[in-house]
Amino acid sequence: MRLPAVAEFDYQGEVPYRMRWAPARRGISKPDEIAYYLAYAPLHVTVQELVRVAGARWAVEECFQAAKNECGLDQYEVRRYTGWYRHITLAMLAHAFLAATAHQARERGRNR
């Protein structure tokens, strides 16, 4: 469902160029449970693209959970932004390294 453009930055002159959306989806295993999303996208974005992006959310959630478990993404005790930023950057770099290494190992196993 499209929501009306309300803010002045949603418009270029008199014409809106961004829309707010409120997509909802039913669960496959539990059809009585409905998940709601809020989206903010340019007018040319299709409903199919919104659905695709909403579905990709779970892959992002899994990535962050893996980074928390494997690299201590959530284990920071800092007082300033600089320390927090360094910790997050190093944790995400370590996670990217581990993911790339695991991918290379799987590829080597398939090629043998």
PDB file of N, CA and C in Angstrom:
ATOM      1  N   MET A   1       0.841  -1.160   0.000  1.00  0.00           N
ATOM      2  CA  MET A   1       0.000   0.000   0.000  1.00  0.00           C
ATOM      3  C   MET A   1       0.892   1.229   0.000  1.00  0.00           C
ATOM      4  N   ARG A   2       0.612   2.148  -0.877  1.00  0.00           N
ATOM      5  CA  ARG A   2       1.349   3.404  -0.920  1.00  0.00           C
ATOM      6  C   ARG A   2       0.801   4.346   0.139  1.00  0.00           C
ATOM      7  N   LEU A   3       1.709   5.014   0.796  1.00  0.00           N
ATOM      8  CA  LEU A   3       1.333   6.060   1.740  1.00  0.00           C
ATOM      9  C   LEU A   3       1.589   7.397   1.072  1.00  0.00           C
ATOM     10  N   PRO A   4       0.885   8.419   1.433  1.00  0.00           N
ATOM     11  CA  PRO A   4       1.097   9.708   0.762  1.00  0.00           C
ATOM     12  C   PRO A   4       2.457  10.312   1.084  1.00  0.00           C
ATOM     13  N   ALA A   5       2.995  11.047   0.132  1.00  0.00           N
ATOM     14  CA  ALA A   5       4.222  11.804   0.357  1.00  0.00           C
ATOM     15  C   ALA A   5       3.854  12.975   1.253  1.00  0.00           C
ATOM     16  N   VAL A   6       4.573  13.136   2.356  1.00  0.00           N
ATOM     17  CA  VAL A   6       4.172  14.155   3.321  1.00  0.00           C
ATOM     18  C   VAL A   6       5.210  15.236   3.545  1.00  0.00           C
ATOM     19  N   ALA A   7       6.450  14.931   3.382  1.00  0.00           N
ATOM     20  CA  ALA A   7       7.500  15.892   3.716  1.00  0.00           C
ATOM     21  C   ALA A   7       7.900  16.685   2.477  1.00  0.00           C
ATOM     22  N   GLU A   8       8.432  17.855   2.704  1.00  0.00           N
ATOM     23  CA  GLU A   8       8.834  18.704   1.586  1.00  0.00           C
ATOM     24  C   GLU A   8       9.956  18.092   0.772  1.00  0.00           C
ATOM     25  N   PHE A   9      10.803  17.239   1.391  1.00  0.00           N
ATOM     26  CA  PHE A   9      11.885  16.619   0.623  1.00  0.00           C
ATOM     27  C   PHE A   9      11.392  15.441  -0.204  1.00  0.00           C
ATOM     28  N   ASP A  10      10.107  15.101  -0.149  1.00  0.00           N
ATOM     29  CA  ASP A  10       9.534  14.080  -1.015  1.00  0.00           C
ATOM     30  C   ASP A  10       9.150  14.656  -2.374  1.00  0.00           C
ATOM     31  N   TYR A  11       9.243  15.955  -2.522  1.00  0.00           N
ATOM     32  CA  TYR A  11       8.767  16.627  -3.727  1.00  0.00           C
ATOM     33  C   TYR A  11       9.903  17.329  -4.461  1.00  0.00           C
ATOM     34  N   GLN A  12       9.760  17.394  -5.780  1.00  0.00           N
ATOM     35  CA  GLN A  12      10.574  18.262  -6.617  1.00  0.00           C
ATOM     36  C   GLN A  12       9.586  19.248  -7.229  1.00  0.00           C
ATOM     37  N   GLY A  13       9.495  20.412  -6.650  1.00  0.00           N
ATOM     38  CA  GLY A  13       8.464  21.360  -7.052  1.00  0.00           C
ATOM     39  C   GLY A  13       7.119  20.894  -6.535  1.00  0.00           C
ATOM     40  N   GLU A  14       6.173  20.680  -7.445  1.00  0.00           N
ATOM     41  CA  GLU A  14       4.833  20.230  -7.070  1.00  0.00           C
ATOM     42  C   GLU A  14       4.656  18.719  -7.221  1.00  0.00           C
ATOM     43  N   VAL A  15       5.654  18.048  -7.822  1.00  0.00           N
ATOM     44  CA  VAL A  15       5.522  16.633  -8.161  1.00  0.00           C
ATOM     45  C   VAL A  15       6.304  15.777  -7.152  1.00  0.00           C
ATOM     46  N   PRO A  16       5.653  14.773  -6.547  1.00  0.00           N
ATOM     47  CA  PRO A  16       6.406  13.893  -5.650  1.00  0.00           C
ATOM     48  C   PRO A  16       7.365  13.007  -6.448  1.00  0.00           C
ATOM     49  N   TYR A  17       8.551  12.764  -5.898  1.00  0.00           N
ATOM     50  CA  TYR A  17       9.498  11.866  -6.569  1.00  0.00           C
ATOM     51  C   TYR A  17       9.892  10.694  -5.672  1.00  0.00           C
ATOM     52  N   ARG A  18       9.444  10.686  -4.452  1.00  0.00           N
ATOM     53  CA  ARG A  18       9.641   9.560  -3.545  1.00  0.00           C
ATOM     54  C   ARG A  18       8.306   9.251  -2.888  1.00  0.00           C
ATOM     55  N   MET A  19       8.116   7.968  -2.599  1.00  0.00           N
ATOM     56  CA  MET A  19       6.884   7.548  -1.939  1.00  0.00           C
ATOM     57  C   MET A  19       7.227   6.717  -0.716  1.00  0.00           C
ATOM     58  N   ARG A  20       6.330   6.734   0.200  1.00  0.00           N
ATOM     59  CA  ARG A  20       6.424   5.884   1.371  1.00  0.00           C
ATOM     60  C   ARG A  20       5.491   4.701   1.134  1.00  0.00           C
ATOM     61  N   TRP A  21       5.953   3.526   1.517  1.00  0.00           N
ATOM     62  CA  TRP A  21       5.189   2.296   1.315  1.00  0.00           C
ATOM     63  C   TRP A  21       5.012   1.596   2.651  1.00  0.00           C
ATOM     64  N   ALA A  22       3.958   0.816   2.754  1.00  0.00           N
ATOM     65  CA  ALA A  22       3.730  -0.031   3.931  1.00  0.00           C
ATOM     66  C   ALA A  22       3.393  -1.437   3.443  1.00  0.00           C
ATOM     67  N   PRO A  23       4.411  -2.191   2.956  1.00  0.00           N
ATOM     68  CA  PRO A  23       4.147  -3.568   2.520  1.00  0.00           C
ATOM     69  C   PRO A  23       3.874  -4.480   3.717  1.00  0.00           C
ATOM     70  N   ALA A  24       3.070  -5.496   3.499  1.00  0.00           N
ATOM     71  CA  ALA A  24       2.777  -6.502   4.516  1.00  0.00           C
ATOM     72  C   ALA A  24       2.872  -7.866   3.856  1.00  0.00           C
ATOM     73  N   ARG A  25       3.283  -8.871   4.627  1.00  0.00           N
ATOM     74  CA  ARG A  25       3.341 -10.228   4.082  1.00  0.00           C
ATOM     75  C   ARG A  25       2.889 -11.223   5.135  1.00  0.00           C
ATOM     76  N   ARG A  26       2.307 -12.291   4.657  1.00  0.00           N
ATOM     77  CA  ARG A  26       1.883 -13.379   5.540  1.00  0.00           C
ATOM     78  C   ARG A  26       2.990 -14.418   5.603  1.00  0.00           C
ATOM     79  N   GLY A  27       3.095 -15.061   6.747  1.00  0.00           N
ATOM     80  CA  GLY A  27       4.048 -16.142   6.877  1.00  0.00           C
ATOM     81  C   GLY A  27       3.538 -17.390   6.163  1.00  0.00           C
ATOM     82  N   ILE A  28       4.421 -18.166   5.565  1.00  0.00           N
ATOM     83  CA  ILE A  28       4.011 -19.385   4.860  1.00  0.00           C
ATOM     84  C   ILE A  28       3.574 -20.442   5.855  1.00  0.00           C
ATOM     85  N   SER A  29       4.368 -20.628   6.906  1.00  0.00           N
ATOM     86  CA  SER A  29       4.032 -21.657   7.889  1.00  0.00           C
ATOM     87  C   SER A  29       2.954 -21.191   8.872  1.00  0.00           C
ATOM     88  N   LYS A  30       2.846 -19.880   9.077  1.00  0.00           N
ATOM     89  CA  LYS A  30       1.835 -19.324   9.986  1.00  0.00           C
ATOM     90  C   LYS A  30       1.092 -18.205   9.253  1.00  0.00           C
ATOM     91  N   PRO A  31       0.084 -18.554   8.455  1.00  0.00           N
ATOM     92  CA  PRO A  31      -0.572 -17.536   7.630  1.00  0.00           C
ATOM     93  C   PRO A  31      -1.314 -16.467   8.418  1.00  0.00           C
ATOM     94  N   ASP A  32      -1.603 -16.701   9.682  1.00  0.00           N
ATOM     95  CA  ASP A  32      -2.295 -15.676  10.458  1.00  0.00           C
ATOM     96  C   ASP A  32      -1.333 -14.630  11.019  1.00  0.00           C
ATOM     97  N   GLU A  33      -0.024 -14.855  10.900  1.00  0.00           N
ATOM     98  CA  GLU A  33       0.965 -13.857  11.326  1.00  0.00           C
ATOM     99  C   GLU A  33       1.312 -12.967  10.139  1.00  0.00           C
ATOM    100  N   ILE A  34       1.234 -11.672  10.342  1.00  0.00           N
ATOM    101  CA  ILE A  34       1.526 -10.724   9.274  1.00  0.00           C
ATOM    102  C   ILE A  34       2.701  -9.858   9.691  1.00  0.00           C
ATOM    103  N   ALA A  35       3.692  -9.749   8.805  1.00  0.00           N
ATOM    104  CA  ALA A  35       4.856  -8.895   9.051  1.00  0.00           C
ATOM    105  C   ALA A  35       4.681  -7.618   8.236  1.00  0.00           C
ATOM    106  N   TYR A  36       4.948  -6.496   8.861  1.00  0.00           N
ATOM    107  CA  TYR A  36       4.812  -5.201   8.209  1.00  0.00           C
ATOM    108  C   TYR A  36       6.175  -4.556   8.034  1.00  0.00           C
ATOM    109  N   TYR A  37       6.343  -3.827   6.957  1.00  0.00           N
ATOM    110  CA  TYR A  37       7.569  -3.107   6.672  1.00  0.00           C
ATOM    111  C   TYR A  37       7.218  -1.665   6.343  1.00  0.00           C
ATOM    112  N   LEU A  38       8.127  -0.779   6.609  1.00  0.00           N
ATOM    113  CA  LEU A  38       8.009   0.590   6.133  1.00  0.00           C
ATOM    114  C   LEU A  38       9.113   0.804   5.108  1.00  0.00           C
ATOM    115  N   ALA A  39       8.761   1.327   3.962  1.00  0.00           N
ATOM    116  CA  ALA A  39       9.731   1.544   2.897  1.00  0.00           C
ATOM    117  C   ALA A  39       9.623   2.984   2.419  1.00  0.00           C
ATOM    118  N   TYR A  40      10.725   3.480   1.952  1.00  0.00           N
ATOM    119  CA  TYR A  40      10.809   4.837   1.421  1.00  0.00           C
ATOM    120  C   TYR A  40      11.623   4.734   0.149  1.00  0.00           C
ATOM    121  N   ALA A  41      10.985   4.925  -0.995  1.00  0.00           N
ATOM    122  CA  ALA A  41      11.652   4.647  -2.268  1.00  0.00           C
ATOM    123  C   ALA A  41      11.212   5.638  -3.338  1.00  0.00           C
ATOM    124  N   PRO A  42      12.033   5.770  -4.399  1.00  0.00           N
ATOM    125  CA  PRO A  42      11.631   6.602  -5.539  1.00  0.00           C
ATOM    126  C   PRO A  42      10.352   6.049  -6.185  1.00  0.00           C
ATOM    127  N   LEU A  43       9.670   6.898  -6.915  1.00  0.00           N
ATOM    128  CA  LEU A  43       8.404   6.510  -7.543  1.00  0.00           C
ATOM    129  C   LEU A  43       8.547   5.345  -8.515  1.00  0.00           C
ATOM    130  N   HIS A  44       9.686   5.248  -9.201  1.00  0.00           N
ATOM    131  CA  HIS A  44       9.830   4.225 -10.237  1.00  0.00           C
ATOM    132  C   HIS A  44      10.048   2.812  -9.683  1.00  0.00           C
ATOM    133  N   VAL A  45      10.215   2.670  -8.376  1.00  0.00           N
ATOM    134  CA  VAL A  45      10.429   1.349  -7.779  1.00  0.00           C
ATOM    135  C   VAL A  45       9.129   0.556  -7.847  1.00  0.00           C
ATOM    136  N   THR A  46       9.241  -0.694  -8.279  1.00  0.00           N
ATOM    137  CA  THR A  46       8.055  -1.544  -8.417  1.00  0.00           C
ATOM    138  C   THR A  46       7.795  -2.310  -7.123  1.00  0.00           C
ATOM    139  N   VAL A  47       6.603  -2.841  -7.024  1.00  0.00           N
ATOM    140  CA  VAL A  47       6.244  -3.656  -5.860  1.00  0.00           C
ATOM    141  C   VAL A  47       7.128  -4.902  -5.809  1.00  0.00           C
ATOM    142  N   GLN A  48       7.440  -5.479  -6.960  1.00  0.00           N
ATOM    143  CA  GLN A  48       8.300  -6.672  -7.002  1.00  0.00           C
ATOM    144  C   GLN A  48       9.682  -6.376  -6.424  1.00  0.00           C
ATOM    145  N   GLU A  49      10.203  -5.194  -6.730  1.00  0.00           N
ATOM    146  CA  GLU A  49      11.516  -4.834  -6.197  1.00  0.00           C
ATOM    147  C   GLU A  49      11.462  -4.620  -4.689  1.00  0.00           C
ATOM    148  N   LEU A  50      10.387  -4.024  -4.202  1.00  0.00           N
ATOM    149  CA  LEU A  50      10.227  -3.870  -2.754  1.00  0.00           C
ATOM    150  C   LEU A  50      10.163  -5.226  -2.065  1.00  0.00           C
ATOM    151  N   VAL A  51       9.453  -6.164  -2.667  1.00  0.00           N
ATOM    152  CA  VAL A  51       9.350  -7.514  -2.103  1.00  0.00           C
ATOM    153  C   VAL A  51      10.711  -8.190  -2.095  1.00  0.00           C
ATOM    154  N   ARG A  52      11.471  -8.030  -3.175  1.00  0.00           N
ATOM    155  CA  ARG A  52      12.814  -8.634  -3.246  1.00  0.00           C
ATOM    156  C   ARG A  52      13.723  -8.081  -2.155  1.00  0.00           C
ATOM    157  N   VAL A  53      13.694  -6.772  -1.967  1.00  0.00           N
ATOM    158  CA  VAL A  53      14.545  -6.140  -0.951  1.00  0.00           C
ATOM    159  C   VAL A  53      14.110  -6.568   0.448  1.00  0.00           C
ATOM    160  N   ALA A  54      12.808  -6.637   0.691  1.00  0.00           N
ATOM    161  CA  ALA A  54      12.322  -7.075   1.996  1.00  0.00           C
ATOM    162  C   ALA A  54      12.753  -8.511   2.277  1.00  0.00           C
ATOM    163  N   GLY A  55      12.751  -9.365   1.248  1.00  0.00           N
ATOM    164  CA  GLY A  55      13.201 -10.744   1.424  1.00  0.00           C
ATOM    165  C   GLY A  55      14.688 -10.845   1.680  1.00  0.00           C
ATOM    166  N   ALA A  56      15.466  -9.908   1.143  1.00  0.00           N
ATOM    167  CA  ALA A  56      16.918  -9.917   1.346  1.00  0.00           C
ATOM    168  C   ALA A  56      17.288  -9.514   2.764  1.00  0.00           C
ATOM    169  N   ARG A  57      16.343  -8.961   3.483  1.00  0.00           N
ATOM    170  CA  ARG A  57      16.611  -8.527   4.859  1.00  0.00           C
ATOM    171  C   ARG A  57      17.116  -9.681   5.718  1.00  0.00           C
ATOM    172  N   TRP A  58      16.583 -10.873   5.503  1.00  0.00           N
ATOM    173  CA  TRP A  58      16.967 -11.998   6.350  1.00  0.00           C
ATOM    174  C   TRP A  58      18.427 -12.392   6.127  1.00  0.00           C
ATOM    175  N   ALA A  59      18.911 -12.286   4.915  1.00  0.00           N
ATOM    176  CA  ALA A  59      20.328 -12.581   4.660  1.00  0.00           C
ATOM    177  C   ALA A  59      21.212 -11.582   5.393  1.00  0.00           C
ATOM    178  N   VAL A  60      20.815 -10.329   5.433  1.00  0.00           N
ATOM    179  CA  VAL A  60      21.575  -9.303   6.147  1.00  0.00           C
ATOM    180  C   VAL A  60      21.540  -9.582   7.645  1.00  0.00           C
ATOM    181  N   GLU A  61      20.361  -9.949   8.168  1.00  0.00           N
ATOM    182  CA  GLU A  61      20.232 -10.276   9.595  1.00  0.00           C
ATOM    183  C   GLU A  61      21.145 -11.448   9.963  1.00  0.00           C
ATOM    184  N   GLU A  62      21.175 -12.480   9.114  1.00  0.00           N
ATOM    185  CA  GLU A  62      22.028 -13.642   9.373  1.00  0.00           C
ATOM    186  C   GLU A  62      23.500 -13.263   9.345  1.00  0.00           C
ATOM    187  N   CYS A  63      23.872 -12.354   8.446  1.00  0.00           N
ATOM    188  CA  CYS A  63      25.258 -11.901   8.360  1.00  0.00           C
ATOM    189  C   CYS A  63      25.672 -11.187   9.645  1.00  0.00           C
ATOM    190  N   PHE A  64      24.821 -10.298  10.136  1.00  0.00           N
ATOM    191  CA  PHE A  64      25.147  -9.596  11.376  1.00  0.00           C
ATOM    192  C   PHE A  64      25.190 -10.558  12.560  1.00  0.00           C
ATOM    193  N   GLN A  65      24.287 -11.538  12.602  1.00  0.00           N
ATOM    194  CA  GLN A  65      24.303 -12.510  13.699  1.00  0.00           C
ATOM    195  C   GLN A  65      25.588 -13.336  13.661  1.00  0.00           C
ATOM    196  N   ALA A  66      26.024 -13.728  12.463  1.00  0.00           N
ATOM    197  CA  ALA A  66      27.270 -14.480  12.336  1.00  0.00           C
ATOM    198  C   ALA A  66      28.449 -13.623  12.790  1.00  0.00           C
ATOM    199  N   ALA A  67      28.451 -12.345  12.427  1.00  0.00           N
ATOM    200  CA  ALA A  67      29.539 -11.457  12.845  1.00  0.00           C
ATOM    201  C   ALA A  67      29.542 -11.273  14.358  1.00  0.00           C
ATOM    202  N   LYS A  68      28.375 -11.252  14.969  1.00  0.00           N
ATOM    203  CA  LYS A  68      28.311 -11.155  16.432  1.00  0.00           C
ATOM    204  C   LYS A  68      28.876 -12.407  17.077  1.00  0.00           C
ATOM    205  N   ASN A  69      28.510 -13.574  16.552  1.00  0.00           N
ATOM    206  CA  ASN A  69      28.946 -14.835  17.145  1.00  0.00           C
ATOM    207  C   ASN A  69      30.425 -15.125  16.899  1.00  0.00           C
ATOM    208  N   GLU A  70      30.911 -14.866  15.686  1.00  0.00           N
ATOM    209  CA  GLU A  70      32.260 -15.278  15.307  1.00  0.00           C
ATOM    210  C   GLU A  70      33.323 -14.217  15.549  1.00  0.00           C
ATOM    211  N   CYS A  71      32.951 -12.955  15.476  1.00  0.00           N
ATOM    212  CA  CYS A  71      33.957 -11.895  15.497  1.00  0.00           C
ATOM    213  C   CYS A  71      33.773 -10.893  16.625  1.00  0.00           C
ATOM    214  N   GLY A  72      32.803 -11.106  17.483  1.00  0.00           N
ATOM    215  CA  GLY A  72      32.602 -10.199  18.606  1.00  0.00           C
ATOM    216  C   GLY A  72      32.096  -8.825  18.200  1.00  0.00           C
ATOM    217  N   LEU A  73      31.264  -8.780  17.184  1.00  0.00           N
ATOM    218  CA  LEU A  73      30.753  -7.498  16.715  1.00  0.00           C
ATOM    219  C   LEU A  73      30.039  -6.730  17.823  1.00  0.00           C
ATOM    220  N   ASP A  74      29.381  -7.447  18.706  1.00  0.00           N
ATOM    221  CA  ASP A  74      28.626  -6.781  19.769  1.00  0.00           C
ATOM    222  C   ASP A  74      29.394  -6.691  21.092  1.00  0.00           C
ATOM    223  N   GLN A  75      30.670  -7.007  21.096  1.00  0.00           N
ATOM    224  CA  GLN A  75      31.463  -7.028  22.325  1.00  0.00           C
ATOM    225  C   GLN A  75      32.348  -5.797  22.450  1.00  0.00           C
ATOM    226  N   TYR A  76      31.767  -4.641  22.383  1.00  0.00           N
ATOM    227  CA  TYR A  76      32.571  -3.432  22.523  1.00  0.00           C
ATOM    228  C   TYR A  76      32.175  -2.699  23.799  1.00  0.00           C
ATOM    229  N   GLU A  77      33.171  -2.169  24.448  1.00  0.00           N
ATOM    230  CA  GLU A  77      32.969  -1.326  25.626  1.00  0.00           C
ATOM    231  C   GLU A  77      33.807  -0.080  25.408  1.00  0.00           C
ATOM    232  N   VAL A  78      33.249   0.855  24.724  1.00  0.00           N
ATOM    233  CA  VAL A  78      33.977   2.066  24.365  1.00  0.00           C
ATOM    234  C   VAL A  78      33.216   3.287  24.854  1.00  0.00           C
ATOM    235  N   ARG A  79      33.930   4.378  24.943  1.00  0.00           N
ATOM    236  CA  ARG A  79      33.316   5.617  25.425  1.00  0.00           C
ATOM    237  C   ARG A  79      33.162   6.661  24.330  1.00  0.00           C
ATOM    238  N   ARG A  80      33.884   6.494  23.269  1.00  0.00           N
ATOM    239  CA  ARG A  80      33.848   7.505  22.215  1.00  0.00           C
ATOM    240  C   ARG A  80      33.571   6.856  20.863  1.00  0.00           C
ATOM    241  N   TYR A  81      33.122   7.677  19.936  1.00  0.00           N
ATOM    242  CA  TYR A  81      32.777   7.216  18.598  1.00  0.00           C
ATOM    243  C   TYR A  81      33.981   6.597  17.895  1.00  0.00           C
ATOM    244  N   THR A  82      35.146   7.187  18.044  1.00  0.00           N
ATOM    245  CA  THR A  82      36.336   6.686  17.343  1.00  0.00           C
ATOM    246  C   THR A  82      36.638   5.251  17.750  1.00  0.00           C
ATOM    247  N   GLY A  83      36.572   4.954  19.038  1.00  0.00           N
ATOM    248  CA  GLY A  83      36.814   3.589  19.500  1.00  0.00           C
ATOM    249  C   GLY A  83      35.761   2.616  18.993  1.00  0.00           C
ATOM    250  N   TRP A  84      34.498   3.045  19.021  1.00  0.00           N
ATOM    251  CA  TRP A  84      33.419   2.200  18.523  1.00  0.00           C
ATOM    252  C   TRP A  84      33.613   1.925  17.031  1.00  0.00           C
ATOM    253  N   TYR A  85      33.933   2.975  16.275  1.00  0.00           N
ATOM    254  CA  TYR A  85      34.107   2.842  14.835  1.00  0.00           C
ATOM    255  C   TYR A  85      35.256   1.890  14.515  1.00  0.00           C
ATOM    256  N   ARG A  86      36.349   1.990  15.245  1.00  0.00           N
ATOM    257  CA  ARG A  86      37.490   1.088  15.017  1.00  0.00           C
ATOM    258  C   ARG A  86      37.104  -0.354  15.304  1.00  0.00           C
ATOM    259  N   HIS A  87      36.382  -0.565  16.407  1.00  0.00           N
ATOM    260  CA  HIS A  87      35.969  -1.925  16.766  1.00  0.00           C
ATOM    261  C   HIS A  87      35.060  -2.521  15.700  1.00  0.00           C
ATOM    262  N   ILE A  88      34.051  -1.761  15.280  1.00  0.00           N
ATOM    263  CA  ILE A  88      33.107  -2.254  14.275  1.00  0.00           C
ATOM    264  C   ILE A  88      33.836  -2.533  12.962  1.00  0.00           C
ATOM    265  N   THR A  89      34.729  -1.643  12.566  1.00  0.00           N
ATOM    266  CA  THR A  89      35.464  -1.817  11.314  1.00  0.00           C
ATOM    267  C   THR A  89      36.312  -3.083  11.356  1.00  0.00           C
ATOM    268  N   LEU A  90      37.039  -3.298  12.441  1.00  0.00           N
ATOM    269  CA  LEU A  90      37.881  -4.495  12.546  1.00  0.00           C
ATOM    270  C   LEU A  90      37.049  -5.768  12.624  1.00  0.00           C
ATOM    271  N   ALA A  91      35.938  -5.729  13.343  1.00  0.00           N
ATOM    272  CA  ALA A  91      35.083  -6.915  13.438  1.00  0.00           C
ATOM    273  C   ALA A  91      34.488  -7.267  12.077  1.00  0.00           C
ATOM    274  N   MET A  92      34.033  -6.267  11.328  1.00  0.00           N
ATOM    275  CA  MET A  92      33.463  -6.543  10.010  1.00  0.00           C
ATOM    276  C   MET A  92      34.542  -6.991   9.019  1.00  0.00           C
ATOM    277  N   LEU A  93      35.755  -6.442   9.139  1.00  0.00           N
ATOM    278  CA  LEU A  93      36.865  -6.891   8.298  1.00  0.00           C
ATOM    279  C   LEU A  93      37.202  -8.351   8.601  1.00  0.00           C
ATOM    280  N   ALA A  94      37.239  -8.711   9.877  1.00  0.00           N
ATOM    281  CA  ALA A  94      37.505 -10.101  10.255  1.00  0.00           C
ATOM    282  C   ALA A  94      36.404 -11.020   9.725  1.00  0.00           C
ATOM    283  N   HIS A  95      35.160 -10.577   9.811  1.00  0.00           N
ATOM    284  CA  HIS A  95      34.055 -11.389   9.310  1.00  0.00           C
ATOM    285  C   HIS A  95      34.155 -11.570   7.792  1.00  0.00           C
ATOM    286  N   ALA A  96      34.490 -10.513   7.077  1.00  0.00           N
ATOM    287  CA  ALA A  96      34.653 -10.612   5.616  1.00  0.00           C
ATOM    288  C   ALA A  96      35.787 -11.576   5.266  1.00  0.00           C
ATOM    289  N   PHE A  97      36.888 -11.511   6.023  1.00  0.00           N
ATOM    290  CA  PHE A  97      38.007 -12.425   5.788  1.00  0.00           C
ATOM    291  C   PHE A  97      37.579 -13.873   6.012  1.00  0.00           C
ATOM    292  N   LEU A  98      36.873 -14.136   7.111  1.00  0.00           N
ATOM    293  CA  LEU A  98      36.417 -15.499   7.402  1.00  0.00           C
ATOM    294  C   LEU A  98      35.445 -15.998   6.335  1.00  0.00           C
ATOM    295  N   ALA A  99      34.542 -15.131   5.879  1.00  0.00           N
ATOM    296  CA  ALA A  99      33.583 -15.535   4.844  1.00  0.00           C
ATOM    297  C   ALA A  99      34.294 -15.842   3.535  1.00  0.00           C
ATOM    298  N   ALA A 100      35.260 -15.017   3.151  1.00  0.00           N
ATOM    299  CA  ALA A 100      36.005 -15.249   1.911  1.00  0.00           C
ATOM    300  C   ALA A 100      36.845 -16.521   2.009  1.00  0.00           C
ATOM    301  N   THR A 101      37.453 -16.745   3.153  1.00  0.00           N
ATOM    302  CA  THR A 101      38.257 -17.954   3.351  1.00  0.00           C
ATOM    303  C   THR A 101      37.387 -19.205   3.286  1.00  0.00           C
ATOM    304  N   ALA A 102      36.221 -19.169   3.921  1.00  0.00           N
ATOM    305  CA  ALA A 102      35.303 -20.311   3.876  1.00  0.00           C
ATOM    306  C   ALA A 102      34.823 -20.564   2.459  1.00  0.00           C
ATOM    307  N   HIS A 103      34.533 -19.506   1.715  1.00  0.00           N
ATOM    308  CA  HIS A 103      34.096 -19.652   0.326  1.00  0.00           C
ATOM    309  C   HIS A 103      35.189 -20.287  -0.527  1.00  0.00           C
ATOM    310  N   GLN A 104      36.439 -19.843  -0.351  1.00  0.00           N
ATOM    311  CA  GLN A 104      37.557 -20.409  -1.109  1.00  0.00           C
ATOM    312  C   GLN A 104      37.748 -21.886  -0.772  1.00  0.00           C
ATOM    313  N   ALA A 105      37.585 -22.240   0.486  1.00  0.00           N
ATOM    314  CA  ALA A 105      37.734 -23.644   0.886  1.00  0.00           C
ATOM    315  C   ALA A 105      36.636 -24.498   0.239  1.00  0.00           C
ATOM    316  N   ARG A 106      35.403 -23.993   0.193  1.00  0.00           N
ATOM    317  CA  ARG A 106      34.320 -24.738  -0.466  1.00  0.00           C
ATOM    318  C   ARG A 106      34.594 -24.901  -1.956  1.00  0.00           C
ATOM    319  N   GLU A 107      35.102 -23.855  -2.587  1.00  0.00           N
ATOM    320  CA  GLU A 107      35.402 -23.915  -4.012  1.00  0.00           C
ATOM    321  C   GLU A 107      36.513 -24.929  -4.282  1.00  0.00           C
ATOM    322  N   ARG A 108      37.539 -24.948  -3.446  1.00  0.00           N
ATOM    323  CA  ARG A 108      38.630 -25.915  -3.612  1.00  0.00           C
ATOM    324  C   ARG A 108      38.118 -27.333  -3.443  1.00  0.00           C
ATOM    325  N   GLY A 109      37.213 -27.542  -2.494  1.00  0.00           N
ATOM    326  CA  GLY A 109      36.629 -28.871  -2.274  1.00  0.00           C
ATOM    327  C   GLY A 109      35.801 -29.343  -3.458  1.00  0.00           C
ATOM    328  N   ARG A 110      35.125 -28.437  -4.139  1.00  0.00           N
ATOM    329  CA  ARG A 110      34.320 -28.798  -5.308  1.00  0.00           C
ATOM    330  C   ARG A 110      35.200 -29.113  -6.512  1.00  0.00           C
ATOM    331  N   ASN A 111      36.349 -28.465  -6.625  1.00  0.00           N
ATOM    332  CA  ASN A 111      37.211 -28.627  -7.797  1.00  0.00           C
ATOM    333  C   ASN A 111      38.108 -29.851  -7.705  1.00  0.00           C
ATOM    334  N   ARG A 112      38.116 -30.524  -6.603  1.00  0.00           N
ATOM    335  CA  ARG A 112      38.990 -31.705  -6.470  1.00  0.00           C
ATOM    336  C   ARG A 112      38.347 -32.924  -6.996  1.00  0.00           C
TER     337      ARG A 112
END
